[in-house]
């Protein structure tokens, strides 16, 4: 698994991490029940990927809002 780094200023609170882990577990189990393509993915890998995606979306959102402000 690749290493994903986040600047200290963007670290999530323990409550937000717990919320994201819970959301990821729900999606993981729902995907298994629905027999979607989660074949060889472990629960912990799925949760890690889910949280990494959250950070990436948040970073992309921050970048796009900076670009929008510069244009104004």
Protein backbone atom coordinates (compact mmCIF):
# COMPACT_ATOMS: atom_id res chain seq x y z
CA UNK A 1 0.00 0.00 0.00
CA UNK A 2 1.28 3.48 -0.84
CA UNK A 3 2.06 6.01 1.84
CA UNK A 4 -0.23 9.00 2.00
CA UNK A 5 0.95 12.12 3.82
CA UNK A 6 -1.12 15.03 5.04
CA UNK A 7 0.18 18.34 6.35
CA UNK A 8 -0.20 18.64 10.11
CA UNK A 9 -2.48 21.67 9.65
CA UNK A 10 -4.99 19.51 7.75
CA UNK A 11 -5.18 16.57 10.15
CA UNK A 12 -8.69 15.54 11.09
CA UNK A 13 -10.04 15.40 14.61
CA UNK A 14 -10.46 12.05 16.31
CA UNK A 15 -14.25 12.44 16.04
CA UNK A 16 -14.07 13.06 12.27
CA UNK A 17 -11.73 10.07 11.80
CA UNK A 18 -14.15 7.86 13.74
CA UNK A 19 -17.02 9.14 11.59
CA UNK A 20 -15.12 8.42 8.36
CA UNK A 21 -14.13 4.93 9.58
CA UNK A 22 -17.78 4.21 10.37
CA UNK A 23 -18.90 5.45 6.92
CA UNK A 24 -16.21 3.33 5.25
CA UNK A 25 -17.22 0.21 7.20
CA UNK A 26 -20.86 0.76 6.20
CA UNK A 27 -19.91 1.08 2.53
CA UNK A 28 -17.61 -1.95 2.72
CA UNK A 29 -20.29 -4.19 4.21
CA UNK A 30 -23.00 -2.87 1.88
CA UNK A 31 -20.74 -3.57 -1.09
CA UNK A 32 -20.22 -7.14 0.12
CA UNK A 33 -23.95 -7.65 0.64
CA UNK A 34 -24.64 -6.28 -2.84
CA UNK A 35 -21.75 -8.39 -4.19
CA UNK A 36 -20.00 -5.44 -5.83
CA UNK A 37 -16.38 -5.53 -6.99
CA UNK A 38 -14.58 -5.59 -3.62
CA UNK A 39 -13.10 -9.03 -4.18
CA UNK A 40 -9.73 -9.11 -2.42
CA UNK A 41 -9.86 -5.85 -0.47
CA UNK A 42 -9.57 -6.15 3.30
CA UNK A 43 -11.69 -3.99 5.56
CA UNK A 44 -8.69 -2.02 6.84
CA UNK A 45 -7.42 -1.33 3.29
CA UNK A 46 -10.89 -0.20 2.28
CA UNK A 47 -11.09 2.15 5.29
CA UNK A 48 -7.61 3.56 4.59
CA UNK A 49 -8.50 4.20 0.95
CA UNK A 50 -11.78 5.82 1.97
CA UNK A 51 -10.01 8.24 4.33
CA UNK A 52 -7.29 9.00 1.74
CA UNK A 53 -9.99 9.80 -0.82
CA UNK A 54 -11.64 12.12 1.70
CA UNK A 55 -8.34 13.98 2.19
CA UNK A 56 -7.79 14.21 -1.58
CA UNK A 57 -11.28 15.59 -2.17
CA UNK A 58 -10.81 18.08 0.63
CA UNK A 59 -7.45 19.20 -0.79
CA UNK A 60 -8.89 19.51 -4.29
CA UNK A 61 -11.78 21.54 -2.92
CA UNK A 62 -9.38 23.86 -1.10
CA UNK A 63 -7.29 24.35 -4.25
CA UNK A 64 -10.31 25.09 -6.42
CA UNK A 65 -11.67 27.63 -3.93
CA UNK A 66 -8.27 29.40 -3.91
CA UNK A 67 -8.29 29.56 -7.70
CA UNK A 68 -11.82 30.95 -7.69
CA UNK A 69 -10.87 33.64 -5.15
CA UNK A 70 -7.84 34.65 -7.26
CA UNK A 71 -10.08 35.15 -10.30
CA UNK A 72 -12.42 37.41 -8.33
